[in-house]
Amino acid sequence: MIRPPVCQRAVLYVTKLCNIECEFCYYHLEQGKHHESMEAIETRFRAWTGGEYRVRAVDITGGEPTVHPQIRDIVKMAVGYGISPTVITNGQRTDLIAQLYEDGLDDTLVSVHALGEAYDSMVHRRGAFDKLDRTVRLLHDRQLPFRTNTTLTAGSVGAIEAITDYLLEARPHIINLIAFNPHDGTLWANEVNLKFQATYSDMAQAARYVIDRAERAGIWVNVRYMPLCFMPGYETHVCNFRQWQFDPFEWEFFSSNLRQDAPDLLRAAKSANTFGPTEEEQLYHHLMAISTKNNHRAEACSTCRFAAICDGIYPQYARVFGTDEFAGPAGDPIVDPLHFRATDQRWAVPSRR
């Protein structure tokens, strides 16, 4: 079994502005929204290709990156620096997205969180789904590489059969199902009355349904931010904080944050006896443990064999729903975060143009 390497993809926030208003967005109430300057953007590209980092791909995101007035120049700049660009988009600007492929775009990650009028209501824009659908159909008809994100909410869980029908007809390279995760530092971390929030039990049931159908269609499904105890038999599809630094479509921590404190963190990882067959794995596993250290642990987590490789429970979720639905499996503890993901690496296969 070959262990997957650390990802070599960075993230570039080019704007916090957007042309829709998703009800669960982390950023739609953020103050001081603006477009990043081209000078600041090029500074990032120079840093990533200057020898200190190992960036081969970049996710260009926001807000909605296609509203940046120089988005075509940004994509061309990435290509010029030898970095493969992806745009994470809500698909509202179909013609521009087609032009970005002509500029060298590697693929798109399209957000499909609902269908029809339900989508329009969720994003507070009449006609928004028709625009999204036009983009998805263009990508499908021209056989352009793309992936999809679907946030698991009460609305998407309730319509999961129809959403699955739509996604399987569109045939993205990968379907990402993202459990709504109100982690510390986000807009929702202290909220307790979110009409769109679903339970892990309901989200996991929906995720398993999508996986079963997508498996028959030959499309991989990633499930992000889902406690492993809710996915028995489907664990290889789960990509949480402890796993995502090894997913080639996720963001590498140090380059994305222009951080250079890896030596200090590695020393801390060794002091903590962090799991890892290599120093690099020890470093990243320790880093992700830090990222989830404030998460809650239910009583069932104390005897769960997944405890060392699971993110735990977001404090907001525990306050809203409690922890009675958690029932981690007993058994020999699993300490390798890639124990499941390394056994079936279809998630790591690049898209093909």
Protein backbone atom coordinates (compact mmCIF):
# COMPACT_ATOMS: atom_id res chain seq x y z
CA MET A 1 0.00 0.00 0.00
CA ILE A 2 1.44 3.36 -1.09
CA ARG A 3 0.75 6.17 1.34
CA PRO A 4 -0.52 9.39 -0.25
CA PRO A 5 1.85 12.36 -0.13
CA VAL A 6 1.10 15.74 1.41
CA CYS A 7 -0.92 17.87 -0.99
CA GLN A 8 0.76 20.58 -3.04
CA ARG A 9 -2.23 22.87 -3.52
CA ALA A 10 -2.57 26.37 -2.06
CA VAL A 11 -5.59 28.63 -1.69
CA LEU A 12 -5.87 32.18 -2.99
CA TYR A 13 -8.67 34.44 -1.74
CA VAL A 14 -9.04 37.07 -4.46
CA THR A 15 -12.18 38.73 -3.08
CA LYS A 16 -14.71 38.48 -0.26
CA LEU A 17 -17.46 39.94 -2.45
CA CYS A 18 -20.14 37.70 -3.92
CA ASN A 19 -23.09 37.89 -6.30
CA ILE A 20 -25.39 35.65 -4.22
CA GLU A 21 -26.05 35.21 -0.49
CA CYS A 22 -25.97 31.57 0.62
CA GLU A 23 -27.76 31.33 3.94
CA PHE A 24 -25.00 29.22 5.52
CA CYS A 25 -22.03 31.21 4.16
CA TYR A 26 -19.22 31.95 6.64
CA TYR A 27 -18.42 35.28 5.01
CA HIS A 28 -21.61 37.05 3.96
CA LEU A 29 -21.72 39.25 7.06
CA GLU A 30 -17.99 39.95 7.07
CA GLN A 31 -16.99 43.59 7.24
CA GLY A 32 -14.41 45.26 4.99
CA LYS A 33 -15.09 43.22 1.87
CA HIS A 34 -12.90 44.07 -1.08
CA HIS A 35 -11.05 42.72 -4.10
CA GLU A 36 -7.40 41.78 -3.61
CA SER A 37 -4.98 43.86 -5.65
CA MET A 38 -3.01 42.27 -8.46
CA GLU A 39 0.18 43.27 -6.64
CA ALA A 40 -0.83 41.30 -3.55
CA ILE A 41 -1.86 38.34 -5.67
CA GLU A 42 1.42 38.27 -7.57
CA THR A 43 3.30 38.46 -4.27
CA ARG A 44 1.69 35.14 -3.39
CA PHE A 45 2.67 33.53 -6.67
CA ARG A 46 6.25 34.72 -6.29
CA ALA A 47 6.45 33.28 -2.77
CA TRP A 48 5.00 29.95 -3.84
CA THR A 49 7.49 29.53 -6.67
CA GLY A 50 10.51 30.97 -4.86
CA GLY A 51 11.75 27.68 -3.43
CA GLU A 52 10.27 27.86 0.09
CA TYR A 53 7.04 26.08 -0.79
CA ARG A 54 5.95 23.23 -3.04
CA VAL A 55 2.89 24.61 -4.77
CA ARG A 56 1.78 22.96 -7.99
CA ALA A 57 -1.90 23.93 -7.94
CA VAL A 58 -4.05 26.70 -6.49
CA ASP A 59 -7.72 27.05 -5.64
CA ILE A 60 -8.84 30.58 -6.52
CA THR A 61 -11.74 31.42 -4.27
CA GLY A 62 -13.57 34.17 -2.37
CA GLY A 63 -16.35 35.24 -1.91
CA GLU A 64 -17.03 34.54 -5.55
CA PRO A 65 -13.80 34.78 -7.54
CA THR A 66 -15.50 35.40 -10.88
CA VAL A 67 -16.67 38.84 -9.66
CA HIS A 68 -13.06 40.00 -9.42
CA PRO A 69 -12.63 42.36 -12.41
CA GLN A 70 -9.26 40.81 -13.30
CA ILE A 71 -10.07 37.14 -12.76
CA ARG A 72 -8.93 36.23 -16.28
CA ASP A 73 -5.57 37.88 -15.64
CA ILE A 74 -5.28 36.01 -12.33
CA VAL A 75 -5.83 32.65 -14.03
CA LYS A 76 -3.27 33.56 -16.71
CA MET A 77 -0.84 34.66 -14.00
CA ALA A 78 -1.13 31.30 -12.24
CA VAL A 79 -0.44 29.48 -15.51
CA GLY A 80 2.51 31.77 -16.17
CA TYR A 81 4.03 30.82 -12.84
CA GLY A 82 3.58 27.13 -13.62
CA ILE A 83 0.75 26.63 -11.13
CA SER A 84 -2.43 24.80 -12.20
CA PRO A 85 -5.47 26.98 -11.34
CA THR A 86 -8.88 25.90 -10.12
CA VAL A 87 -11.75 28.32 -9.57
CA ILE A 88 -14.27 27.61 -6.81
CA THR A 89 -17.49 29.13 -8.15
CA ASN A 90 -21.23 29.39 -7.71
CA GLY A 91 -21.58 29.12 -11.48
CA GLN A 92 -23.49 32.35 -12.03
CA ARG A 93 -21.23 33.60 -14.86
CA THR A 94 -21.25 30.84 -17.44
CA ASP A 95 -19.66 32.69 -20.35
CA LEU A 96 -16.81 33.96 -18.20
CA ILE A 97 -16.14 30.48 -16.83
CA ALA A 98 -15.88 29.18 -20.41
CA GLN A 99 -13.34 31.92 -21.14
CA LEU A 100 -11.31 30.95 -18.07
CA TYR A 101 -10.81 27.47 -19.51
CA GLU A 102 -9.44 29.13 -22.64
CA ASP A 103 -7.07 31.07 -20.36
CA GLY A 104 -5.67 27.82 -18.92
CA LEU A 105 -8.05 26.95 -16.09
CA ASP A 106 -7.39 23.38 -14.93
CA ASP A 107 -10.83 22.70 -13.49
CA THR A 108 -13.69 24.26 -11.56
CA LEU A 109 -15.22 23.34 -8.23
CA VAL A 110 -18.90 24.20 -8.62
CA SER A 111 -21.25 24.69 -5.67
CA VAL A 112 -24.53 22.80 -6.08
CA HIS A 113 -26.30 23.09 -2.72
CA ALA A 114 -29.92 22.81 -3.89
CA LEU A 115 -32.07 22.74 -7.04
CA GLY A 116 -34.62 25.00 -8.66
CA GLU A 117 -36.64 27.38 -6.51
CA ALA A 118 -35.09 25.91 -3.35
CA TYR A 119 -31.69 27.08 -4.59
CA ASP A 120 -32.99 30.54 -5.45
CA SER A 121 -34.49 30.85 -1.98
CA MET A 122 -31.31 29.61 -0.30
CA VAL A 123 -29.11 32.16 -2.11
CA HIS A 124 -31.68 34.98 -2.11
CA ARG A 125 -31.55 35.49 -5.89
CA ARG A 126 -34.40 34.77 -8.30
CA GLY A 127 -33.15 32.91 -11.37
CA ALA A 128 -29.85 31.91 -9.74
CA PHE A 129 -30.35 28.19 -10.28
CA ASP A 130 -30.98 28.68 -14.01
CA LYS A 131 -27.57 30.38 -14.26
CA LEU A 132 -25.89 27.63 -12.24
CA ASP A 133 -27.57 24.95 -14.33
CA ARG A 134 -26.37 26.62 -17.53
CA THR A 135 -22.79 26.43 -16.25
CA VAL A 136 -23.08 22.80 -15.18
CA ARG A 137 -24.53 21.83 -18.56
CA LEU A 138 -21.78 23.69 -20.40
CA LEU A 139 -19.11 21.87 -18.41
CA HIS A 140 -20.80 18.54 -19.06
CA ASP A 141 -21.47 19.10 -22.75
CA ARG A 142 -17.94 20.34 -23.49
CA GLN A 143 -16.44 17.61 -21.29
CA LEU A 144 -14.51 20.18 -19.26
CA PRO A 145 -13.11 18.84 -15.97
CA PHE A 146 -15.02 19.92 -12.89
CA ARG A 147 -15.92 18.81 -9.38
CA THR A 148 -18.86 19.76 -7.16
CA ASN A 149 -19.47 20.85 -3.58
CA THR A 150 -22.78 20.23 -1.84
CA THR A 151 -23.15 21.47 1.72
CA LEU A 152 -25.26 19.10 3.80
CA THR A 153 -28.02 21.14 5.40
CA ALA A 154 -31.61 20.44 6.37
CA GLY A 155 -32.63 21.53 2.87
CA SER A 156 -30.13 19.46 0.88
CA VAL A 157 -30.65 16.40 3.08
CA GLY A 158 -34.39 16.61 2.47
CA ALA A 159 -33.88 16.76 -1.29
CA ILE A 160 -30.90 14.41 -1.53
CA GLU A 161 -32.49 12.03 -4.04
CA ALA A 162 -33.15 14.81 -6.56
CA ILE A 163 -29.73 16.41 -5.96
CA THR A 164 -28.08 13.04 -6.52
CA ASP A 165 -30.00 12.55 -9.77
CA TYR A 166 -28.78 15.95 -10.94
CA LEU A 167 -25.14 15.38 -9.98
CA LEU A 168 -24.95 11.93 -11.54
CA GLU A 169 -26.39 13.27 -14.79
CA ALA A 170 -23.81 16.09 -14.74
CA ARG A 171 -20.96 13.63 -14.08
CA PRO A 172 -18.37 15.68 -12.17
CA HIS A 173 -14.99 14.11 -11.57
CA ILE A 174 -15.58 14.12 -7.79
CA ILE A 175 -18.60 14.95 -5.63
CA ASN A 176 -17.80 16.60 -2.30
CA LEU A 177 -20.43 16.44 0.44
CA ILE A 178 -19.61 18.96 3.15
CA ALA A 179 -21.23 18.56 6.54
CA PHE A 180 -22.01 22.06 7.81
CA ASN A 181 -19.21 22.63 10.32
CA PRO A 182 -19.63 25.60 12.67
CA HIS A 183 -16.04 25.49 13.88
CA ASP A 184 -14.37 28.07 16.10
CA GLY A 185 -13.70 31.37 14.41
CA THR A 186 -16.63 31.18 11.99
CA LEU A 187 -19.79 33.25 11.93
CA TRP A 188 -21.85 30.35 13.28
CA ALA A 189 -19.68 29.16 16.18
CA ASN A 190 -21.94 30.68 18.86
CA GLU A 191 -25.33 30.39 17.15
CA VAL A 192 -27.89 27.93 18.53
CA ASN A 193 -30.94 28.44 16.30
CA LEU A 194 -29.94 27.76 12.69
CA LYS A 195 -32.95 26.63 10.68
CA PHE A 196 -30.71 25.10 8.01
CA GLN A 197 -28.58 22.95 10.35
CA ALA A 198 -29.11 19.19 10.20
CA THR A 199 -28.02 16.44 12.58
CA TYR A 200 -25.03 14.22 11.84
CA SER A 201 -27.40 11.25 11.74
CA ASP A 202 -29.44 12.80 8.94
CA MET A 203 -26.40 14.12 7.08
CA ALA A 204 -24.66 10.74 7.25
CA GLN A 205 -27.73 8.91 5.98
CA ALA A 206 -27.85 11.28 3.01
CA ALA A 207 -24.11 10.87 2.41
CA ARG A 208 -24.34 7.09 2.38
CA TYR A 209 -27.19 7.30 -0.12
CA VAL A 210 -25.11 9.47 -2.48
CA ILE A 211 -22.07 7.20 -2.14
CA ASP A 212 -24.06 4.08 -2.97
CA ARG A 213 -25.49 5.59 -6.13
CA ALA A 214 -22.29 7.38 -7.22
CA GLU A 215 -20.28 4.19 -6.71
CA ARG A 216 -22.42 2.45 -9.30
CA ALA A 217 -21.85 5.39 -11.66
CA GLY A 218 -18.08 5.33 -11.17
CA ILE A 219 -17.89 8.74 -9.44
CA TRP A 220 -15.96 9.23 -6.21
CA VAL A 221 -17.63 10.93 -3.24
CA ASN A 222 -15.73 12.69 -0.45
CA VAL A 223 -17.52 13.40 2.81
CA ARG A 224 -15.94 16.22 4.78
CA TYR A 225 -16.24 17.08 8.48
CA MET A 226 -18.27 13.99 9.42
CA PRO A 227 -17.49 12.04 12.62
CA LEU A 228 -16.31 8.60 11.56
CA CYS A 229 -18.73 6.76 13.84
CA PHE A 230 -21.60 7.82 11.57
CA MET A 231 -20.05 6.22 8.48
CA PRO A 232 -19.54 2.50 9.23
CA GLY A 233 -18.38 0.75 6.08
CA TYR A 234 -17.87 4.10 4.34
CA GLU A 235 -14.88 5.38 6.31
CA THR A 236 -12.57 5.62 3.29
CA HIS A 237 -14.84 8.37 1.93
CA VAL A 238 -14.43 10.54 5.03
CA CYS A 239 -11.90 13.36 4.77
CA ASN A 240 -11.78 15.45 7.95
CA PHE A 241 -9.06 17.68 9.40
CA ARG A 242 -6.87 14.67 10.24
CA GLN A 243 -6.97 13.49 6.61
CA TRP A 244 -7.27 16.55 4.39
CA GLN A 245 -3.59 17.55 4.22
CA PHE A 246 -3.08 14.39 2.13
CA ASP A 247 -5.89 15.10 -0.33
CA PRO A 248 -4.45 16.59 -3.57
CA PHE A 249 -7.58 18.73 -3.95
CA GLU A 250 -7.25 20.32 -0.51
CA TRP A 251 -5.05 23.19 0.70
CA GLU A 252 -1.58 22.69 2.13
CA PHE A 253 -1.28 24.59 5.39
CA PHE A 254 2.11 26.27 5.24
CA SER A 255 1.94 27.60 1.69
CA SER A 256 -1.68 28.71 2.03
CA ASN A 257 -0.81 30.73 5.12
CA LEU A 258 2.77 31.65 4.11
CA ARG A 259 3.85 30.10 7.41
CA GLN A 260 7.46 29.08 8.03
CA ASP A 261 7.28 27.61 11.51
CA ALA A 262 7.42 23.96 10.43
CA PRO A 263 10.64 23.24 12.41
CA ASP A 264 9.05 24.40 15.68
CA LEU A 265 5.89 22.40 15.02
CA LEU A 266 7.90 19.30 14.15
CA ARG A 267 9.73 19.50 17.47
CA ALA A 268 6.38 19.77 19.22
CA ALA A 269 5.07 16.81 17.25
CA LYS A 270 8.00 14.68 18.31
CA SER A 271 7.56 15.73 21.94
CA ALA A 272 3.92 14.68 21.75
CA ASN A 273 4.85 11.33 20.16
CA THR A 274 2.57 12.12 17.23
CA PHE A 275 1.89 9.23 14.87
CA GLY A 276 3.65 9.22 11.53
CA PRO A 277 6.00 6.93 9.59
CA THR A 278 7.90 10.03 8.44
CA GLU A 279 8.73 13.37 10.04
CA GLU A 280 6.55 15.08 7.44
CA GLU A 281 3.50 13.03 8.44
CA GLN A 282 4.20 13.67 12.11
CA LEU A 283 4.28 17.39 11.38
CA TYR A 284 0.96 17.51 9.57
CA HIS A 285 -0.85 15.13 11.91
CA HIS A 286 0.27 17.28 14.84
CA LEU A 287 -0.86 20.42 13.05
CA MET A 288 -4.34 19.03 12.43
CA ALA A 289 -4.59 17.87 16.04
CA ILE A 290 -3.96 21.47 17.08
CA SER A 291 -6.68 22.63 14.69
CA THR A 292 -9.30 20.46 16.39
CA LYS A 293 -8.09 20.58 20.00
CA ASN A 294 -11.06 22.70 21.15
CA ASN A 295 -13.64 20.28 19.79
CA HIS A 296 -15.92 18.47 22.21
CA ARG A 297 -15.66 14.78 23.09
CA ALA A 298 -18.77 12.86 24.10
CA GLU A 299 -18.69 10.08 26.68
CA ALA A 300 -18.89 7.57 23.82
CA CYS A 301 -15.69 9.04 22.34
CA SER A 302 -13.64 7.83 25.33
CA THR A 303 -13.97 4.21 24.21
CA CYS A 304 -14.26 4.78 20.45
CA ARG A 305 -11.54 3.12 18.38
CA PHE A 306 -11.61 6.15 16.03
CA ALA A 307 -10.89 8.71 18.77
CA ALA A 308 -7.29 9.35 17.73
CA ILE A 309 -8.12 9.97 14.05
CA CYS A 310 -11.46 11.79 14.36
CA ASP A 311 -12.00 15.54 14.75
CA GLY A 312 -14.50 15.16 17.56
CA ILE A 313 -17.64 17.30 17.86
CA TYR A 314 -17.87 21.01 17.17
CA PRO A 315 -18.85 22.75 20.43
CA GLN A 316 -21.74 24.54 18.73
CA TYR A 317 -23.17 21.23 17.54
CA ALA A 318 -22.97 19.72 21.04
CA ARG A 319 -24.79 22.73 22.49
CA VAL A 320 -27.59 22.51 19.92
CA PHE A 321 -28.12 18.76 19.54
CA GLY A 322 -26.35 17.19 22.51
CA THR A 323 -24.27 14.05 22.16
CA ASP A 324 -26.72 11.16 22.60
CA GLU A 325 -26.49 10.16 18.92
CA PHE A 326 -22.75 9.43 19.21
CA ALA A 327 -21.88 5.78 19.76
CA GLY A 328 -18.31 5.17 18.69
CA PRO A 329 -17.34 1.56 17.97
CA ALA A 330 -15.17 -0.20 20.54
CA GLY A 331 -12.10 -2.19 19.58
CA ASP A 332 -8.38 -1.79 19.10
CA PRO A 333 -7.60 1.92 18.72
CA ILE A 334 -6.70 3.19 15.26
CA VAL A 335 -3.92 5.78 15.41
CA ASP A 336 -3.13 6.25 11.72
CA PRO A 337 -5.35 9.03 10.28
CA LEU A 338 -4.88 7.47 6.83
CA HIS A 339 -5.87 3.98 8.00
CA PHE A 340 -8.95 4.02 5.75
CA ARG A 341 -8.10 6.64 3.13
CA ALA A 342 -4.90 4.91 2.06
CA THR A 343 -6.71 1.67 1.18
CA ASP A 344 -8.73 3.18 -1.70
CA GLN A 345 -7.16 6.23 -3.31
CA ARG A 346 -9.60 6.94 -6.10
CA TRP A 347 -10.05 10.34 -4.43
CA ALA A 348 -6.45 11.14 -5.39
CA VAL A 349 -6.84 10.56 -9.15
CA PRO A 350 -6.46 13.87 -11.01
CA SER A 351 -9.14 15.14 -13.33
CA ARG A 352 -8.47 14.67 -17.05
CA ARG A 353 -8.85 17.39 -19.62
